[in-house]
Each structure stands twice: as C-alpha cells, then as structure tokens.
Amino acid sequence: MDSSHLDVPRGDFRVQEDVRVRFNEIDGQNIVFNGNYLVYADIGVTEYFRALGEVQPGPYFHQYGTDIRETHCEITYHAPARLDERITIAARISRFERMSFTVHCAIFRGEERLTDIAIRYAHIDLDSGGATPLPGSFIAEVRRFETRTPVQD
C-alpha cells in the first residue's frame, strides 16, 4: 500500500460512518476477525456513494452504461478493534487512473487508526464487460466533493 495513505488524518475523510463491533465479527482472540475489515470497507464504499447521491455504486455507474469491479485490495493492520467498541469507517477516493479508481478506507477508534484499506475498482462497460475510461463528470464530481484532491495518473 502506498504509504501516503497512512498520512491522511481522520478529518480529511468526507465520509465517516460509526458502527459498533458485534459478537459475530470477533474471533477466538476476542478481536475483530481480519476478514471483517473488508465488510467494514464495503460499508464505507456504500456510504461514499450515498454521499454522492446514490445508495450503491452500481446504480451510480449505470447512468453511464457502466459498472465497477473490485480488482485489487490491500489491508494494513495497525491495532485491533474489540467487541462492543464504537469504531468509525472513513472513506475517500484517493486515486484516479484512466480506467480505474482507488477507494481508501480507514478504520478509527476515536483518533486512533486501526486499519487502512485500499481497494481498486476497474470501470467496465456493461455491454462488452471490458474496461472503459472513467467518465470525466465522475472525476469532476469527486474532485469537488473531496477535501483532499485524489491523485490522478
């Protein structure tokens, strides 16, 4: 994962969703099972697109005749979350490439950073299933929305 993700303070994430750690999310060590952080990240992505005006990413891209598919994910664990703790799932789009974008989700307990997750999504054409360039209007909308401007490759 690009180490610049670790430098993004909680206040630079426009989307933040508080959740409580539930019993079914912990493992035998009484901490959140590592795979559940991807579930938390999915909540962050959904809330991000809700903030852009859609309940889920799919309908947002369907207006362009496209969709997105996860192609890569990296997780850096800093500290564990435990049963019944309130944690914050923070999300932002951190990078644009020609035919993909990256969502950075960070999990916090108060101001303590627990986890950083980078998820790359390919932008695909619904008819052909092939990768297609990101719509300029999407990039412009995200740039207006974000506090910290995403990197563009």
C-alpha atoms as a PDB file:
ATOM      1  CA  MET A   1       0.000   0.000   0.000  1.00  0.00           C
ATOM      2  CA  ASP A   2       1.209   3.475  -0.809  1.00  0.00           C
ATOM      3  CA  SER A   3       2.472   4.876   2.497  1.00  0.00           C
ATOM      4  CA  SER A   4       0.760   8.222   1.783  1.00  0.00           C
ATOM      5  CA  HIS A   5      -2.476   6.556   2.934  1.00  0.00           C
ATOM      6  CA  LEU A   6      -1.065   6.433   6.442  1.00  0.00           C
ATOM      7  CA  ASP A   7      -0.618  10.213   6.495  1.00  0.00           C
ATOM      8  CA  VAL A   8      -4.267  11.085   5.816  1.00  0.00           C
ATOM      9  CA  PRO A   9      -5.808  12.398   9.051  1.00  0.00           C
ATOM     10  CA  ARG A  10      -9.321  11.408  10.037  1.00  0.00           C
ATOM     11  CA  GLY A  11     -10.591  14.923   9.358  1.00  0.00           C
ATOM     12  CA  ASP A  12      -9.661  14.646   5.665  1.00  0.00           C
ATOM     13  CA  PHE A  13     -12.230  11.880   5.086  1.00  0.00           C
ATOM     14  CA  ARG A  14     -15.528  13.437   3.976  1.00  0.00           C
ATOM     15  CA  VAL A  15     -17.447  10.200   4.632  1.00  0.00           C
ATOM     16  CA  GLN A  16     -17.416   8.750   8.151  1.00  0.00           C
ATOM     17  CA  GLU A  17     -19.796   6.108   9.468  1.00  0.00           C
ATOM     18  CA  ASP A  18     -19.856   4.935  13.090  1.00  0.00           C
ATOM     19  CA  VAL A  19     -20.589   1.278  13.863  1.00  0.00           C
ATOM     20  CA  ARG A  20     -20.366  -0.926  16.934  1.00  0.00           C
ATOM     21  CA  VAL A  21     -18.333  -4.137  16.813  1.00  0.00           C
ATOM     22  CA  ARG A  22     -20.768  -7.056  17.117  1.00  0.00           C
ATOM     23  CA  PHE A  23     -20.207 -10.510  18.559  1.00  0.00           C
ATOM     24  CA  ASN A  24     -20.304 -12.250  15.174  1.00  0.00           C
ATOM     25  CA  GLU A  25     -17.408 -10.050  13.962  1.00  0.00           C
ATOM     26  CA  ILE A  26     -14.853 -11.198  16.543  1.00  0.00           C
ATOM     27  CA  ASP A  27     -12.655 -14.280  16.607  1.00  0.00           C
ATOM     28  CA  GLY A  28     -11.305 -16.548  19.342  1.00  0.00           C
ATOM     29  CA  GLN A  29      -8.915 -13.814  20.452  1.00  0.00           C
ATOM     30  CA  ASN A  30     -11.904 -11.509  21.084  1.00  0.00           C
ATOM     31  CA  ILE A  31     -10.794  -9.074  18.400  1.00  0.00           C
ATOM     32  CA  VAL A  32     -12.357  -8.334  15.023  1.00  0.00           C
ATOM     33  CA  PHE A  33     -11.577 -11.187  12.633  1.00  0.00           C
ATOM     34  CA  ASN A  34      -9.306  -9.824   9.880  1.00  0.00           C
ATOM     35  CA  GLY A  35     -11.722 -10.585   7.020  1.00  0.00           C
ATOM     36  CA  ASN A  36     -14.422  -8.455   8.604  1.00  0.00           C
ATOM     37  CA  TYR A  37     -12.421  -5.324   7.854  1.00  0.00           C
ATOM     38  CA  LEU A  38     -13.362  -5.867   4.197  1.00  0.00           C
ATOM     39  CA  VAL A  39     -17.028  -5.850   5.246  1.00  0.00           C
ATOM     40  CA  TYR A  40     -16.386  -2.556   7.038  1.00  0.00           C
ATOM     41  CA  ALA A  41     -14.699  -1.197   3.893  1.00  0.00           C
ATOM     42  CA  ASP A  42     -17.755  -2.178   1.854  1.00  0.00           C
ATOM     43  CA  ILE A  43     -19.880  -0.119   4.243  1.00  0.00           C
ATOM     44  CA  GLY A  44     -17.502   2.788   3.660  1.00  0.00           C
ATOM     45  CA  VAL A  45     -17.772   2.492  -0.128  1.00  0.00           C
ATOM     46  CA  THR A  46     -21.576   2.304   0.048  1.00  0.00           C
ATOM     47  CA  GLU A  47     -21.740   5.369   2.304  1.00  0.00           C
ATOM     48  CA  TYR A  48     -19.365   7.222  -0.013  1.00  0.00           C
ATOM     49  CA  PHE A  49     -21.667   6.715  -2.986  1.00  0.00           C
ATOM     50  CA  ARG A  50     -24.686   7.570  -0.801  1.00  0.00           C
ATOM     51  CA  ALA A  51     -22.954  10.905  -0.101  1.00  0.00           C
ATOM     52  CA  LEU A  52     -22.629  11.379  -3.881  1.00  0.00           C
ATOM     53  CA  GLY A  53     -26.385  10.834  -4.227  1.00  0.00           C
ATOM     54  CA  GLU A  54     -26.759   7.085  -4.821  1.00  0.00           C
ATOM     55  CA  VAL A  55     -27.411   4.282  -2.360  1.00  0.00           C
ATOM     56  CA  GLN A  56     -24.857   1.971  -4.010  1.00  0.00           C
ATOM     57  CA  PRO A  57     -22.070   2.290  -6.578  1.00  0.00           C
ATOM     58  CA  GLY A  58     -23.810   0.130  -9.215  1.00  0.00           C
ATOM     59  CA  PRO A  59     -26.764   2.459  -9.834  1.00  0.00           C
ATOM     60  CA  TYR A  60     -24.388   5.426  -9.876  1.00  0.00           C
ATOM     61  CA  PHE A  61     -22.402   3.984 -12.794  1.00  0.00           C
ATOM     62  CA  HIS A  62     -25.408   2.504 -14.590  1.00  0.00           C
ATOM     63  CA  GLN A  63     -26.301   6.041 -15.703  1.00  0.00           C
ATOM     64  CA  TYR A  64     -23.165   5.816 -17.884  1.00  0.00           C
ATOM     65  CA  GLY A  65     -23.940   2.259 -19.108  1.00  0.00           C
ATOM     66  CA  THR A  66     -21.061   1.003 -16.975  1.00  0.00           C
ATOM     67  CA  ASP A  67     -20.299  -0.640 -13.641  1.00  0.00           C
ATOM     68  CA  ILE A  68     -17.294  -1.253 -11.416  1.00  0.00           C
ATOM     69  CA  ARG A  69     -15.498  -4.426 -10.307  1.00  0.00           C
ATOM     70  CA  GLU A  70     -13.012  -4.782  -7.474  1.00  0.00           C
ATOM     71  CA  THR A  71      -9.640  -5.807  -8.889  1.00  0.00           C
ATOM     72  CA  HIS A  72      -7.206  -5.330  -6.013  1.00  0.00           C
ATOM     73  CA  CYS A  73      -7.289  -4.850  -2.261  1.00  0.00           C
ATOM     74  CA  GLU A  74      -4.581  -4.196   0.325  1.00  0.00           C
ATOM     75  CA  ILE A  75      -5.020  -4.030   4.088  1.00  0.00           C
ATOM     76  CA  THR A  76      -2.605  -2.663   6.655  1.00  0.00           C
ATOM     77  CA  TYR A  77      -3.498  -3.532  10.239  1.00  0.00           C
ATOM     78  CA  HIS A  78      -2.298  -1.160  12.970  1.00  0.00           C
ATOM     79  CA  ALA A  79      -4.329  -2.171  16.050  1.00  0.00           C
ATOM     80  CA  PRO A  80      -7.304  -4.470  16.736  1.00  0.00           C
ATOM     81  CA  ALA A  81     -10.914  -3.498  17.370  1.00  0.00           C
ATOM     82  CA  ARG A  82     -12.734  -5.361  20.128  1.00  0.00           C
ATOM     83  CA  LEU A  83     -16.271  -6.456  20.953  1.00  0.00           C
ATOM     84  CA  ASP A  84     -18.738  -3.625  21.608  1.00  0.00           C
ATOM     85  CA  GLU A  85     -16.307  -0.837  20.724  1.00  0.00           C
ATOM     86  CA  ARG A  86     -17.553   2.011  18.585  1.00  0.00           C
ATOM     87  CA  ILE A  87     -15.402   2.399  15.509  1.00  0.00           C
ATOM     88  CA  THR A  88     -15.537   4.815  12.605  1.00  0.00           C
ATOM     89  CA  ILE A  89     -15.316   3.701   8.997  1.00  0.00           C
ATOM     90  CA  ALA A  90     -13.879   6.557   6.950  1.00  0.00           C
ATOM     91  CA  ALA A  91     -13.807   6.564   3.136  1.00  0.00           C
ATOM     92  CA  ARG A  92     -12.388   8.709   0.365  1.00  0.00           C
ATOM     93  CA  ILE A  93     -11.395   8.281  -3.258  1.00  0.00           C
ATOM     94  CA  SER A  94      -7.630   8.620  -3.228  1.00  0.00           C
ATOM     95  CA  ARG A  95      -6.580   7.931  -6.822  1.00  0.00           C
ATOM     96  CA  PHE A  96      -7.857   8.008 -10.389  1.00  0.00           C
ATOM     97  CA  GLU A  97      -6.317   6.086 -13.234  1.00  0.00           C
ATOM     98  CA  ARG A  98      -7.641   6.125 -16.777  1.00  0.00           C
ATOM     99  CA  MET A  99      -9.963   3.121 -16.310  1.00  0.00           C
ATOM    100  CA  SER A 100      -9.969   2.616 -12.545  1.00  0.00           C
ATOM    101  CA  PHE A 101     -10.046   4.383  -9.210  1.00  0.00           C
ATOM    102  CA  THR A 102      -8.967   3.584  -5.662  1.00  0.00           C
ATOM    103  CA  VAL A 103     -11.020   3.992  -2.518  1.00  0.00           C
ATOM    104  CA  HIS A 104      -9.080   4.423   0.704  1.00  0.00           C
ATOM    105  CA  CYS A 105     -10.960   3.291   3.795  1.00  0.00           C
ATOM    106  CA  ALA A 106      -9.515   3.801   7.245  1.00  0.00           C
ATOM    107  CA  ILE A 107     -10.952   2.400  10.452  1.00  0.00           C
ATOM    108  CA  PHE A 108     -10.580   4.516  13.579  1.00  0.00           C
ATOM    109  CA  ARG A 109     -11.330   4.133  17.275  1.00  0.00           C
ATOM    110  CA  GLY A 110     -11.597   7.774  18.249  1.00  0.00           C
ATOM    111  CA  GLU A 111      -8.485   9.284  16.667  1.00  0.00           C
ATOM    112  CA  GLU A 112      -6.526   6.006  16.802  1.00  0.00           C
ATOM    113  CA  ARG A 113      -6.013   4.498  13.346  1.00  0.00           C
ATOM    114  CA  LEU A 114      -6.782   0.757  13.407  1.00  0.00           C
ATOM    115  CA  THR A 115      -6.665  -0.210   9.749  1.00  0.00           C
ATOM    116  CA  ASP A 116      -6.030   1.194   6.272  1.00  0.00           C
ATOM    117  CA  ILE A 117      -7.633  -0.481   3.269  1.00  0.00           C
ATOM    118  CA  ALA A 118      -7.037   0.416  -0.380  1.00  0.00           C
ATOM    119  CA  ILE A 119      -9.496  -1.022  -2.897  1.00  0.00           C
ATOM    120  CA  ARG A 120      -9.010  -0.569  -6.651  1.00  0.00           C
ATOM    121  CA  TYR A 121     -12.094  -0.718  -8.847  1.00  0.00           C
ATOM    122  CA  ALA A 122     -11.990  -1.238 -12.601  1.00  0.00           C
ATOM    123  CA  HIS A 123     -14.564   0.729 -14.590  1.00  0.00           C
ATOM    124  CA  ILE A 124     -16.255  -1.596 -17.080  1.00  0.00           C
ATOM    125  CA  ASP A 125     -18.687  -1.335 -19.953  1.00  0.00           C
ATOM    126  CA  LEU A 126     -21.930  -3.212 -19.201  1.00  0.00           C
ATOM    127  CA  ASP A 127     -22.325  -4.476 -22.773  1.00  0.00           C
ATOM    128  CA  SER A 128     -18.807  -5.711 -23.502  1.00  0.00           C
ATOM    129  CA  GLY A 129     -17.576  -6.334 -19.951  1.00  0.00           C
ATOM    130  CA  GLY A 130     -14.293  -4.684 -20.916  1.00  0.00           C
ATOM    131  CA  ALA A 131     -12.517  -1.864 -19.130  1.00  0.00           C
ATOM    132  CA  THR A 132     -13.515   1.622 -20.226  1.00  0.00           C
ATOM    133  CA  PRO A 133     -12.300   5.123 -19.303  1.00  0.00           C
ATOM    134  CA  LEU A 134     -13.804   6.755 -16.235  1.00  0.00           C
ATOM    135  CA  PRO A 135     -16.391   9.421 -17.042  1.00  0.00           C
ATOM    136  CA  GLY A 136     -14.951  12.930 -16.755  1.00  0.00           C
ATOM    137  CA  SER A 137     -18.114  14.029 -14.944  1.00  0.00           C
ATOM    138  CA  PHE A 138     -17.491  11.394 -12.230  1.00  0.00           C
ATOM    139  CA  ILE A 139     -13.905  12.569 -11.742  1.00  0.00           C
ATOM    140  CA  ALA A 140     -15.053  16.205 -11.597  1.00  0.00           C
ATOM    141  CA  GLU A 141     -17.808  15.385  -9.094  1.00  0.00           C
ATOM    142  CA  VAL A 142     -15.403  13.543  -6.804  1.00  0.00           C
ATOM    143  CA  ARG A 143     -12.825  16.359  -7.050  1.00  0.00           C
ATOM    144  CA  ARG A 144     -15.493  18.876  -5.979  1.00  0.00           C
ATOM    145  CA  PHE A 145     -16.612  16.605  -3.132  1.00  0.00           C
ATOM    146  CA  GLU A 146     -13.233  15.629  -1.670  1.00  0.00           C
ATOM    147  CA  THR A 147     -11.352  17.642   0.928  1.00  0.00           C
ATOM    148  CA  ARG A 148      -8.045  16.180  -0.254  1.00  0.00           C
ATOM    149  CA  THR A 149      -7.672  16.046  -4.039  1.00  0.00           C
ATOM    150  CA  PRO A 150      -7.226  12.497  -5.365  1.00  0.00           C
ATOM    151  CA  VAL A 151      -4.019  11.692  -7.232  1.00  0.00           C
ATOM    152  CA  GLN A 152      -4.591  11.308 -10.963  1.00  0.00           C
ATOM    153  CA  ASP A 153      -2.352   9.048 -13.067  1.00  0.00           C
END
